[in-house]
Amino acid sequence: MFQKTIAKPVEVVGIGLHKGESVRLKLEPMDPDSGIIFYRSDIHFSIPLTPDFVIDTKMATVIGDPKKGFISTIEHFLSVLYAFGIDNLRVIVDGNEMPIMDGSGISFVLLLKEAGLKSQNVPKKILKVKKAVEVRDGKKFARLEPLDGAIFDFEIDFPHPVIGRERFIFDFKKHSYTEEIARARTFGFIRDIQYLQSQNLALGASLKNAIGLDEHRVLNPEGLRYKDEFVRHKILDAMGDMKLLGYTIVGRYRSFAGSHALNHLLTKELLASKANYEIISLSEKLNTKYERAFARV
């Protein structure tokens, strides 16, 4: 099994969630072992994708440097890169946030399909969890455990009549990401969005790029895409946040009421000791064993 990049450059224009301004996103192939590199074309600033460059996790995952520049809301896009097994890519953005598209990952799925995938003649590397690691915030937690496979297990509990307690266990296998996770949209409560907009945030938020909720119901005329779309979106976010590790994970991710902040702390905790993990270079003889760790889309 070899590393992957895209076959040709592609680009798209969308709206940024917080500033509400047009954002141009362009993807370019990169050589093997280059990793994922973000580039702010408006200020000529490159940002490697590693946990060390995460500078904020309050409302989204933000990477960069507080003084030099940053890129916000990268998690939906990274989730798709994780699922497609993209190892090397240049991500060019002409602003300080990724386009929100429809609030899910499906637009980025279509963008990668337009670009096509290119196998590179260098073995793929994966991260195998060797010891359980966990971070907590009261009852909330995020955990990684050893497993010969790749599972994302998420549970949420919102005191809202439409959401309540939901749990979804996502087992990576062929086509499963596009079918079960990619179309799950981000969501927000009207009371929160109104406050954020009063602070000049979430200016691009609308029912076209998020599930909107009042105190009793979903406000989107089309309703939900999945009956448990909320928790599925949490899995989409978690996959994106785990992509900060730079590798596809072989192991089990488990969370209750997790967040970008807990996910970031989890990546730092995992990397804190080499006893927690090992990086494996995949050869052909290992393909069968780890086949289920990669979504074939």
C-alpha atoms as a PDB file:
ATOM      1  CA  MET A   1       0.000   0.000   0.000  1.00  0.00           C
ATOM      2  CA  PHE A   2       1.465   3.323  -1.124  1.00  0.00           C
ATOM      3  CA  GLN A   3       1.167   6.985  -0.206  1.00  0.00           C
ATOM      4  CA  LYS A   4      -1.408   9.076  -2.048  1.00  0.00           C
ATOM      5  CA  THR A   5      -1.759  12.571  -3.414  1.00  0.00           C
ATOM      6  CA  ILE A   6      -4.161  13.996  -6.005  1.00  0.00           C
ATOM      7  CA  ALA A   7      -3.763  13.471  -9.743  1.00  0.00           C
ATOM      8  CA  LYS A   8      -4.290  17.113 -10.767  1.00  0.00           C
ATOM      9  CA  PRO A   9      -4.841  20.550  -9.204  1.00  0.00           C
ATOM     10  CA  VAL A  10      -8.429  21.587  -8.487  1.00  0.00           C
ATOM     11  CA  GLU A  11     -10.036  24.640  -6.954  1.00  0.00           C
ATOM     12  CA  VAL A  12     -13.345  25.858  -5.612  1.00  0.00           C
ATOM     13  CA  VAL A  13     -14.796  29.075  -4.199  1.00  0.00           C
ATOM     14  CA  GLY A  14     -17.061  29.166  -1.146  1.00  0.00           C
ATOM     15  CA  ILE A  15     -18.127  31.288   1.804  1.00  0.00           C
ATOM     16  CA  GLY A  16     -16.216  31.483   5.085  1.00  0.00           C
ATOM     17  CA  LEU A  17     -18.372  30.640   8.096  1.00  0.00           C
ATOM     18  CA  HIS A  18     -17.262  33.463  10.393  1.00  0.00           C
ATOM     19  CA  LYS A  19     -16.413  36.385   8.128  1.00  0.00           C
ATOM     20  CA  GLY A  20     -19.054  35.554   5.530  1.00  0.00           C
ATOM     21  CA  GLU A  21     -16.619  36.439   2.749  1.00  0.00           C
ATOM     22  CA  SER A  22     -15.708  34.577  -0.430  1.00  0.00           C
ATOM     23  CA  VAL A  23     -12.790  32.150   0.001  1.00  0.00           C
ATOM     24  CA  ARG A  24     -10.838  30.475  -2.805  1.00  0.00           C
ATOM     25  CA  LEU A  25      -9.470  27.000  -2.081  1.00  0.00           C
ATOM     26  CA  LYS A  26      -6.962  25.324  -4.392  1.00  0.00           C
ATOM     27  CA  LEU A  27      -5.455  21.847  -3.967  1.00  0.00           C
ATOM     28  CA  GLU A  28      -2.136  20.822  -5.523  1.00  0.00           C
ATOM     29  CA  PRO A  29      -0.268  17.481  -5.559  1.00  0.00           C
ATOM     30  CA  MET A  30       2.830  17.083  -3.394  1.00  0.00           C
ATOM     31  CA  ASP A  31       5.776  14.683  -3.471  1.00  0.00           C
ATOM     32  CA  PRO A  32       5.925  11.604  -1.204  1.00  0.00           C
ATOM     33  CA  ASP A  33       6.690  12.276   2.480  1.00  0.00           C
ATOM     34  CA  SER A  34       5.737  15.956   2.099  1.00  0.00           C
ATOM     35  CA  GLY A  35       2.690  15.709   4.343  1.00  0.00           C
ATOM     36  CA  ILE A  36      -0.233  18.143   4.295  1.00  0.00           C
ATOM     37  CA  ILE A  37       0.854  21.776   3.956  1.00  0.00           C
ATOM     38  CA  PHE A  38      -1.581  24.692   4.223  1.00  0.00           C
ATOM     39  CA  TYR A  39      -0.622  27.932   2.469  1.00  0.00           C
ATOM     40  CA  ARG A  40      -2.170  31.379   2.923  1.00  0.00           C
ATOM     41  CA  SER A  41      -1.702  32.823  -0.568  1.00  0.00           C
ATOM     42  CA  ASP A  42      -2.831  36.312   0.530  1.00  0.00           C
ATOM     43  CA  ILE A  43       0.014  36.662   3.045  1.00  0.00           C
ATOM     44  CA  HIS A  44       2.464  34.064   1.629  1.00  0.00           C
ATOM     45  CA  PHE A  45       2.560  31.958   4.789  1.00  0.00           C
ATOM     46  CA  SER A  46       2.877  28.160   5.020  1.00  0.00           C
ATOM     47  CA  ILE A  47       1.478  26.109   7.921  1.00  0.00           C
ATOM     48  CA  PRO A  48       2.438  22.435   8.364  1.00  0.00           C
ATOM     49  CA  LEU A  49      -0.336  20.174   9.604  1.00  0.00           C
ATOM     50  CA  THR A  50       0.787  19.054  13.072  1.00  0.00           C
ATOM     51  CA  PRO A  51      -0.695  19.367  16.588  1.00  0.00           C
ATOM     52  CA  ASP A  52       2.048  21.878  17.431  1.00  0.00           C
ATOM     53  CA  PHE A  53       0.482  24.407  15.059  1.00  0.00           C
ATOM     54  CA  VAL A  54      -3.006  24.275  16.594  1.00  0.00           C
ATOM     55  CA  ILE A  55      -3.618  27.699  18.164  1.00  0.00           C
ATOM     56  CA  ASP A  56      -7.358  27.620  18.940  1.00  0.00           C
ATOM     57  CA  THR A  57     -10.095  25.028  19.444  1.00  0.00           C
ATOM     58  CA  LYS A  58     -12.980  27.052  20.923  1.00  0.00           C
ATOM     59  CA  MET A  59     -15.351  27.006  17.952  1.00  0.00           C
ATOM     60  CA  ALA A  60     -13.302  25.162  15.329  1.00  0.00           C
ATOM     61  CA  THR A  61      -9.818  23.775  14.842  1.00  0.00           C
ATOM     62  CA  VAL A  62      -7.472  26.629  13.949  1.00  0.00           C
ATOM     63  CA  ILE A  63      -3.844  26.232  12.852  1.00  0.00           C
ATOM     64  CA  GLY A  64      -1.120  28.802  12.327  1.00  0.00           C
ATOM     65  CA  ASP A  65       0.704  31.476  14.266  1.00  0.00           C
ATOM     66  CA  PRO A  66      -1.133  34.199  16.242  1.00  0.00           C
ATOM     67  CA  LYS A  67       1.249  36.865  14.905  1.00  0.00           C
ATOM     68  CA  LYS A  68       1.926  35.637  11.376  1.00  0.00           C
ATOM     69  CA  GLY A  69      -1.445  34.219  10.305  1.00  0.00           C
ATOM     70  CA  PHE A  70      -3.862  31.338  10.717  1.00  0.00           C
ATOM     71  CA  ILE A  71      -6.504  29.226   8.956  1.00  0.00           C
ATOM     72  CA  SER A  72      -9.729  28.336  10.765  1.00  0.00           C
ATOM     73  CA  THR A  73     -12.404  25.641  10.392  1.00  0.00           C
ATOM     74  CA  ILE A  74     -10.156  23.037   8.783  1.00  0.00           C
ATOM     75  CA  GLU A  75     -11.763  19.962  10.397  1.00  0.00           C
ATOM     76  CA  HIS A  76     -14.439  19.148   7.772  1.00  0.00           C
ATOM     77  CA  PHE A  77     -11.877  19.216   4.976  1.00  0.00           C
ATOM     78  CA  LEU A  78      -9.351  17.214   6.986  1.00  0.00           C
ATOM     79  CA  SER A  79     -11.975  14.572   7.714  1.00  0.00           C
ATOM     80  CA  VAL A  80     -12.304  13.929   3.987  1.00  0.00           C
ATOM     81  CA  LEU A  81      -8.511  13.769   3.547  1.00  0.00           C
ATOM     82  CA  TYR A  82      -8.421  11.214   6.362  1.00  0.00           C
ATOM     83  CA  ALA A  83     -11.091   9.066   4.731  1.00  0.00           C
ATOM     84  CA  PHE A  84      -9.512   9.215   1.274  1.00  0.00           C
ATOM     85  CA  GLY A  85      -6.096   8.334   2.685  1.00  0.00           C
ATOM     86  CA  ILE A  86      -4.422  11.470   1.299  1.00  0.00           C
ATOM     87  CA  ASP A  87      -0.857  11.702   2.611  1.00  0.00           C
ATOM     88  CA  ASN A  88       0.651  14.563   0.626  1.00  0.00           C
ATOM     89  CA  LEU A  89      -1.142  17.737  -0.450  1.00  0.00           C
ATOM     90  CA  ARG A  90      -0.738  21.504  -0.718  1.00  0.00           C
ATOM     91  CA  VAL A  91      -3.848  23.334   0.440  1.00  0.00           C
ATOM     92  CA  ILE A  92      -3.913  26.937  -0.790  1.00  0.00           C
ATOM     93  CA  VAL A  93      -6.381  29.358   0.806  1.00  0.00           C
ATOM     94  CA  ASP A  94      -6.636  33.108   0.148  1.00  0.00           C
ATOM     95  CA  GLY A  95      -8.090  33.975   3.558  1.00  0.00           C
ATOM     96  CA  ASN A  96      -8.051  33.018   7.227  1.00  0.00           C
ATOM     97  CA  GLU A  97     -10.717  30.294   7.070  1.00  0.00           C
ATOM     98  CA  MET A  98     -11.699  27.358   4.905  1.00  0.00           C
ATOM     99  CA  PRO A  99     -14.930  27.628   2.892  1.00  0.00           C
ATOM    100  CA  ILE A 100     -17.783  26.090   4.867  1.00  0.00           C
ATOM    101  CA  MET A 101     -19.550  24.736   1.721  1.00  0.00           C
ATOM    102  CA  ASP A 102     -22.784  23.035   2.900  1.00  0.00           C
ATOM    103  CA  GLY A 103     -21.506  22.465   6.439  1.00  0.00           C
ATOM    104  CA  SER A 104     -20.565  18.828   5.819  1.00  0.00           C
ATOM    105  CA  GLY A 105     -17.742  17.024   4.023  1.00  0.00           C
ATOM    106  CA  ILE A 106     -19.571  16.023   0.841  1.00  0.00           C
ATOM    107  CA  SER A 107     -18.440  19.019  -1.257  1.00  0.00           C
ATOM    108  CA  PHE A 108     -14.824  18.181  -0.462  1.00  0.00           C
ATOM    109  CA  VAL A 109     -15.502  14.542  -1.384  1.00  0.00           C
ATOM    110  CA  LEU A 110     -16.684  15.719  -4.808  1.00  0.00           C
ATOM    111  CA  LEU A 111     -13.666  18.013  -5.130  1.00  0.00           C
ATOM    112  CA  LEU A 112     -11.247  15.134  -4.480  1.00  0.00           C
ATOM    113  CA  LYS A 113     -13.120  12.929  -6.922  1.00  0.00           C
ATOM    114  CA  GLU A 114     -12.714  15.667  -9.537  1.00  0.00           C
ATOM    115  CA  ALA A 115      -8.977  15.817  -8.792  1.00  0.00           C
ATOM    116  CA  GLY A 116      -8.566  12.049  -8.826  1.00  0.00           C
ATOM    117  CA  LEU A 117      -6.191  10.112  -6.606  1.00  0.00           C
ATOM    118  CA  LYS A 118      -2.596   9.281  -7.473  1.00  0.00           C
ATOM    119  CA  SER A 119      -0.716   6.418  -5.865  1.00  0.00           C
ATOM    120  CA  GLN A 120       2.916   7.260  -5.139  1.00  0.00           C
ATOM    121  CA  ASN A 121       5.680   4.674  -5.215  1.00  0.00           C
ATOM    122  CA  VAL A 122       6.545   5.040  -1.525  1.00  0.00           C
ATOM    123  CA  PRO A 123       5.016   2.882   1.244  1.00  0.00           C
ATOM    124  CA  LYS A 124       2.203   4.447   3.227  1.00  0.00           C
ATOM    125  CA  LYS A 125       2.771   5.043   6.934  1.00  0.00           C
ATOM    126  CA  ILE A 126       0.118   4.557   9.598  1.00  0.00           C
ATOM    127  CA  LEU A 127      -0.069   5.200  13.328  1.00  0.00           C
ATOM    128  CA  LYS A 128      -0.868   2.145  15.419  1.00  0.00           C
ATOM    129  CA  VAL A 129      -2.139   2.832  18.943  1.00  0.00           C
ATOM    130  CA  LYS A 130      -0.251   0.608  21.426  1.00  0.00           C
ATOM    131  CA  LYS A 131      -1.560   1.888  24.785  1.00  0.00           C
ATOM    132  CA  ALA A 132      -4.875   3.456  25.761  1.00  0.00           C
ATOM    133  CA  VAL A 133      -4.703   7.223  26.288  1.00  0.00           C
ATOM    134  CA  GLU A 134      -7.518   9.432  27.543  1.00  0.00           C
ATOM    135  CA  VAL A 135      -8.265  13.079  28.307  1.00  0.00           C
ATOM    136  CA  ARG A 136     -11.262  14.260  30.341  1.00  0.00           C
ATOM    137  CA  ASP A 137     -13.244  17.352  31.229  1.00  0.00           C
ATOM    138  CA  GLY A 138     -15.669  16.277  33.946  1.00  0.00           C
ATOM    139  CA  LYS A 139     -17.943  13.657  32.376  1.00  0.00           C
ATOM    140  CA  LYS A 140     -16.705  14.509  28.896  1.00  0.00           C
ATOM    141  CA  PHE A 141     -13.827  12.457  27.505  1.00  0.00           C
ATOM    142  CA  ALA A 142     -11.924  11.439  24.389  1.00  0.00           C
ATOM    143  CA  ARG A 143      -9.895   8.223  24.246  1.00  0.00           C
ATOM    144  CA  LEU A 144      -7.728   6.194  21.875  1.00  0.00           C
ATOM    145  CA  GLU A 145      -7.376   2.432  22.404  1.00  0.00           C
ATOM    146  CA  PRO A 146      -5.442  -0.367  20.664  1.00  0.00           C
ATOM    147  CA  LEU A 147      -7.422  -2.210  17.964  1.00  0.00           C
ATOM    148  CA  ASP A 148      -6.484  -3.972  14.726  1.00  0.00           C
ATOM    149  CA  GLY A 149      -8.875  -1.851  12.733  1.00  0.00           C
ATOM    150  CA  ALA A 150     -10.220   1.694  12.722  1.00  0.00           C
ATOM    151  CA  ILE A 151     -13.368   2.563  14.659  1.00  0.00           C
ATOM    152  CA  PHE A 152     -14.807   5.937  15.670  1.00  0.00           C
ATOM    153  CA  ASP A 153     -17.322   5.595  18.502  1.00  0.00           C
ATOM    154  CA  PHE A 154     -19.052   8.815  19.578  1.00  0.00           C
ATOM    155  CA  GLU A 155     -21.882   9.591  21.987  1.00  0.00           C
ATOM    156  CA  ILE A 156     -23.606  12.915  22.648  1.00  0.00           C
ATOM    157  CA  ASP A 157     -26.296  14.057  25.069  1.00  0.00           C
ATOM    158  CA  PHE A 158     -28.056  17.366  24.385  1.00  0.00           C
ATOM    159  CA  PRO A 159     -31.065  18.546  26.395  1.00  0.00           C
ATOM    160  CA  HIS A 160     -33.036  19.206  23.216  1.00  0.00           C
ATOM    161  CA  PRO A 161     -36.149  17.342  22.021  1.00  0.00           C
ATOM    162  CA  VAL A 162     -34.713  16.702  18.549  1.00  0.00           C
ATOM    163  CA  ILE A 163     -31.265  15.512  19.681  1.00  0.00           C
ATOM    164  CA  GLY A 164     -31.218  13.952  23.140  1.00  0.00           C
ATOM    165  CA  ARG A 165     -28.763  11.079  23.570  1.00  0.00           C
ATOM    166  CA  GLU A 166     -27.252   9.676  20.382  1.00  0.00           C
ATOM    167  CA  ARG A 167     -24.449   7.203  19.765  1.00  0.00           C
ATOM    168  CA  PHE A 168     -22.922   6.062  16.497  1.00  0.00           C
ATOM    169  CA  ILE A 169     -20.128   3.536  15.962  1.00  0.00           C
ATOM    170  CA  PHE A 170     -18.402   4.013  12.625  1.00  0.00           C
ATOM    171  CA  ASP A 171     -16.328   1.088  11.377  1.00  0.00           C
ATOM    172  CA  PHE A 172     -14.079   2.061   8.481  1.00  0.00           C
ATOM    173  CA  LYS A 173     -14.773  -0.061   5.416  1.00  0.00           C
ATOM    174  CA  LYS A 174     -15.264   0.319   1.687  1.00  0.00           C
ATOM    175  CA  HIS A 175     -17.451   3.306   0.730  1.00  0.00           C
ATOM    176  CA  SER A 176     -18.671   3.685   4.307  1.00  0.00           C
ATOM    177  CA  TYR A 177     -17.415   7.234   4.860  1.00  0.00           C
ATOM    178  CA  THR A 178     -19.202   8.771   1.882  1.00  0.00           C
ATOM    179  CA  GLU A 179     -22.391   6.883   2.649  1.00  0.00           C
ATOM    180  CA  GLU A 180     -22.511   7.204   6.442  1.00  0.00           C
ATOM    181  CA  ILE A 181     -20.526  10.284   7.519  1.00  0.00           C
ATOM    182  CA  ALA A 182     -19.635  12.758   4.751  1.00  0.00           C
ATOM    183  CA  ARG A 183     -23.104  14.318   4.359  1.00  0.00           C
ATOM    184  CA  ALA A 184     -23.625  15.022   8.093  1.00  0.00           C
ATOM    185  CA  ARG A 185     -23.790  18.792   8.604  1.00  0.00           C
ATOM    186  CA  THR A 186     -22.625  20.996  11.421  1.00  0.00           C
ATOM    187  CA  PHE A 187     -25.406  22.350  13.626  1.00  0.00           C
ATOM    188  CA  GLY A 188     -26.140  25.334  15.806  1.00  0.00           C
ATOM    189  CA  PHE A 189     -28.785  26.880  17.994  1.00  0.00           C
ATOM    190  CA  ILE A 190     -30.364  30.130  16.832  1.00  0.00           C
ATOM    191  CA  ARG A 191     -29.769  31.793  20.196  1.00  0.00           C
ATOM    192  CA  ASP A 192     -26.043  31.060  19.934  1.00  0.00           C
ATOM    193  CA  ILE A 193     -25.766  32.161  16.298  1.00  0.00           C
ATOM    194  CA  GLN A 194     -27.520  35.460  17.057  1.00  0.00           C
ATOM    195  CA  TYR A 195     -25.028  36.142  19.845  1.00  0.00           C
ATOM    196  CA  LEU A 196     -22.033  35.218  17.675  1.00  0.00           C
ATOM    197  CA  GLN A 197     -23.217  37.470  14.868  1.00  0.00           C
ATOM    198  CA  SER A 198     -23.508  40.333  17.359  1.00  0.00           C
ATOM    199  CA  GLN A 199     -19.783  39.730  17.965  1.00  0.00           C
ATOM    200  CA  ASN A 200     -19.065  39.767  14.197  1.00  0.00           C
ATOM    201  CA  LEU A 201     -18.685  35.986  14.116  1.00  0.00           C
ATOM    202  CA  ALA A 202     -20.669  33.330  12.204  1.00  0.00           C
ATOM    203  CA  LEU A 203     -21.532  36.003   9.626  1.00  0.00           C
ATOM    204  CA  GLY A 204     -21.646  33.351   6.903  1.00  0.00           C
ATOM    205  CA  ALA A 205     -23.879  30.939   8.831  1.00  0.00           C
ATOM    206  CA  SER A 206     -27.236  30.071   7.268  1.00  0.00           C
ATOM    207  CA  LEU A 207     -29.591  27.138   6.799  1.00  0.00           C
ATOM    208  CA  LYS A 208     -27.681  26.446   3.564  1.00  0.00           C
ATOM    209  CA  ASN A 209     -24.538  25.452   5.488  1.00  0.00           C
ATOM    210  CA  ALA A 210     -25.759  24.228   8.876  1.00  0.00           C
ATOM    211  CA  ILE A 211     -28.641  22.591  10.703  1.00  0.00           C
ATOM    212  CA  GLY A 212     -30.417  25.353  12.598  1.00  0.00           C
ATOM    213  CA  LEU A 213     -32.370  24.637  15.765  1.00  0.00           C
ATOM    214  CA  ASP A 214     -34.668  26.721  17.932  1.00  0.00           C
ATOM    215  CA  GLU A 215     -35.816  25.506  21.344  1.00  0.00           C
ATOM    216  CA  HIS A 216     -38.089  22.831  19.889  1.00  0.00           C
ATOM    217  CA  ARG A 217     -37.328  21.849  16.294  1.00  0.00           C
ATOM    218  CA  VAL A 218     -35.058  21.751  13.251  1.00  0.00           C
ATOM    219  CA  LEU A 219     -35.544  24.902  11.182  1.00  0.00           C
ATOM    220  CA  ASN A 220     -34.240  23.558   7.852  1.00  0.00           C
ATOM    221  CA  PRO A 221     -37.227  22.965   5.525  1.00  0.00           C
ATOM    222  CA  GLU A 222     -35.637  19.762   4.167  1.00  0.00           C
ATOM    223  CA  GLY A 223     -35.141  18.288   7.638  1.00  0.00           C
ATOM    224  CA  LEU A 224     -32.285  15.963   8.549  1.00  0.00           C
ATOM    225  CA  ARG A 225     -30.146  13.895   6.170  1.00  0.00           C
ATOM    226  CA  TYR A 226     -29.787  11.119   8.778  1.00  0.00           C
ATOM    227  CA  LYS A 227     -32.025  10.554  11.793  1.00  0.00           C
ATOM    228  CA  ASP A 228     -28.879  10.829  13.949  1.00  0.00           C
ATOM    229  CA  GLU A 229     -27.095  13.448  11.836  1.00  0.00           C
ATOM    230  CA  PHE A 230     -25.827  15.322  14.900  1.00  0.00           C
ATOM    231  CA  VAL A 231     -23.638  12.554  16.284  1.00  0.00           C
ATOM    232  CA  ARG A 232     -22.481  11.559  12.808  1.00  0.00           C
ATOM    233  CA  HIS A 233     -21.207  15.093  12.327  1.00  0.00           C
ATOM    234  CA  LYS A 234     -19.303  14.779  15.599  1.00  0.00           C
ATOM    235  CA  ILE A 235     -17.548  11.744  14.113  1.00  0.00           C
ATOM    236  CA  LEU A 236     -16.760  13.762  10.978  1.00  0.00           C
ATOM    237  CA  ASP A 237     -15.179  16.429  13.198  1.00  0.00           C
ATOM    238  CA  ALA A 238     -13.233  13.867  15.231  1.00  0.00           C
ATOM    239  CA  MET A 239     -11.767  12.281  12.114  1.00  0.00           C
ATOM    240  CA  GLY A 240     -10.635  15.701  10.935  1.00  0.00           C
ATOM    241  CA  ASP A 241      -9.050  16.485  14.276  1.00  0.00           C
ATOM    242  CA  MET A 242      -7.226  13.123  14.308  1.00  0.00           C
ATOM    243  CA  LYS A 243      -5.784  13.949  10.874  1.00  0.00           C
ATOM    244  CA  LEU A 244      -3.595  16.484  12.725  1.00  0.00           C
ATOM    245  CA  LEU A 245      -1.494  13.462  13.743  1.00  0.00           C
ATOM    246  CA  GLY A 246      -0.392  13.178  10.118  1.00  0.00           C
ATOM    247  CA  TYR A 247      -1.313   9.509   9.769  1.00  0.00           C
ATOM    248  CA  THR A 248      -4.331   7.273   9.513  1.00  0.00           C
ATOM    249  CA  ILE A 249      -4.916   5.700  12.923  1.00  0.00           C
ATOM    250  CA  VAL A 250      -5.169   1.984  13.535  1.00  0.00           C
ATOM    251  CA  GLY A 251      -7.074   1.871  16.798  1.00  0.00           C
ATOM    252  CA  ARG A 252     -10.380   2.782  18.394  1.00  0.00           C
ATOM    253  CA  TYR A 253     -11.417   6.379  19.021  1.00  0.00           C
ATOM    254  CA  ARG A 254     -14.095   6.702  21.699  1.00  0.00           C
ATOM    255  CA  SER A 255     -15.688   9.895  23.001  1.00  0.00           C
ATOM    256  CA  PHE A 256     -18.567  11.132  25.099  1.00  0.00           C
ATOM    257  CA  ALA A 257     -19.527  14.778  24.498  1.00  0.00           C
ATOM    258  CA  GLY A 258     -16.097  15.415  23.028  1.00  0.00           C
ATOM    259  CA  SER A 259     -14.929  18.647  21.430  1.00  0.00           C
ATOM    260  CA  HIS A 260     -12.164  20.088  19.274  1.00  0.00           C
ATOM    261  CA  ALA A 261     -10.385  21.042  22.491  1.00  0.00           C
ATOM    262  CA  LEU A 262     -10.477  17.490  23.881  1.00  0.00           C
ATOM    263  CA  ASN A 263      -9.452  16.043  20.525  1.00  0.00           C
ATOM    264  CA  HIS A 264      -6.430  18.337  20.412  1.00  0.00           C
ATOM    265  CA  LEU A 265      -5.450  17.384  23.959  1.00  0.00           C
ATOM    266  CA  LEU A 266      -5.828  13.732  22.986  1.00  0.00           C
ATOM    267  CA  THR A 267      -3.394  14.043  20.082  1.00  0.00           C
ATOM    268  CA  LYS A 268      -0.895  15.765  22.374  1.00  0.00           C
ATOM    269  CA  GLU A 269      -1.324  13.082  25.037  1.00  0.00           C
ATOM    270  CA  LEU A 270      -0.818  10.289  22.508  1.00  0.00           C
ATOM    271  CA  LEU A 271       2.374  11.844  21.148  1.00  0.00           C
ATOM    272  CA  ALA A 272       3.725  12.589  24.627  1.00  0.00           C
ATOM    273  CA  SER A 273       5.246   9.095  24.893  1.00  0.00           C
ATOM    274  CA  LYS A 274       6.492   6.759  22.162  1.00  0.00           C
ATOM    275  CA  ALA A 275       5.234   3.902  24.328  1.00  0.00           C
ATOM    276  CA  ASN A 276       1.695   4.939  23.291  1.00  0.00           C
ATOM    277  CA  TYR A 277       2.086   4.361  19.553  1.00  0.00           C
ATOM    278  CA  GLU A 278       4.251   3.214  16.698  1.00  0.00           C
ATOM    279  CA  ILE A 279       4.559   4.384  13.110  1.00  0.00           C
ATOM    280  CA  ILE A 280       4.349   1.462  10.685  1.00  0.00           C
ATOM    281  CA  SER A 281       5.424   1.573   7.055  1.00  0.00           C
ATOM    282  CA  LEU A 282       3.002  -0.566   5.078  1.00  0.00           C
ATOM    283  CA  SER A 283       4.351  -3.191   2.719  1.00  0.00           C
ATOM    284  CA  GLU A 284       2.249  -5.317   0.404  1.00  0.00           C
ATOM    285  CA  LYS A 285       2.178  -8.204   2.891  1.00  0.00           C
ATOM    286  CA  LEU A 286       0.429  -5.985   5.446  1.00  0.00           C
ATOM    287  CA  ASN A 287      -2.326  -4.810   3.110  1.00  0.00           C
ATOM    288  CA  THR A 288      -4.861  -7.470   4.112  1.00  0.00           C
ATOM    289  CA  LYS A 289      -4.361  -6.946   7.837  1.00  0.00           C
ATOM    290  CA  TYR A 290      -4.961  -3.208   7.646  1.00  0.00           C
ATOM    291  CA  GLU A 291      -7.407  -3.115   4.735  1.00  0.00           C
ATOM    292  CA  ARG A 292     -10.296  -2.111   6.988  1.00  0.00           C
ATOM    293  CA  ALA A 293      -8.404   0.900   8.312  1.00  0.00           C
ATOM    294  CA  PHE A 294      -8.936   2.807   5.055  1.00  0.00           C
ATOM    295  CA  ALA A 295     -12.143   3.967   3.390  1.00  0.00           C
ATOM    296  CA  ARG A 296     -12.163   3.104  -0.309  1.00  0.00           C
ATOM    297  CA  VAL A 297     -14.024   5.969  -1.945  1.00  0.00           C
END
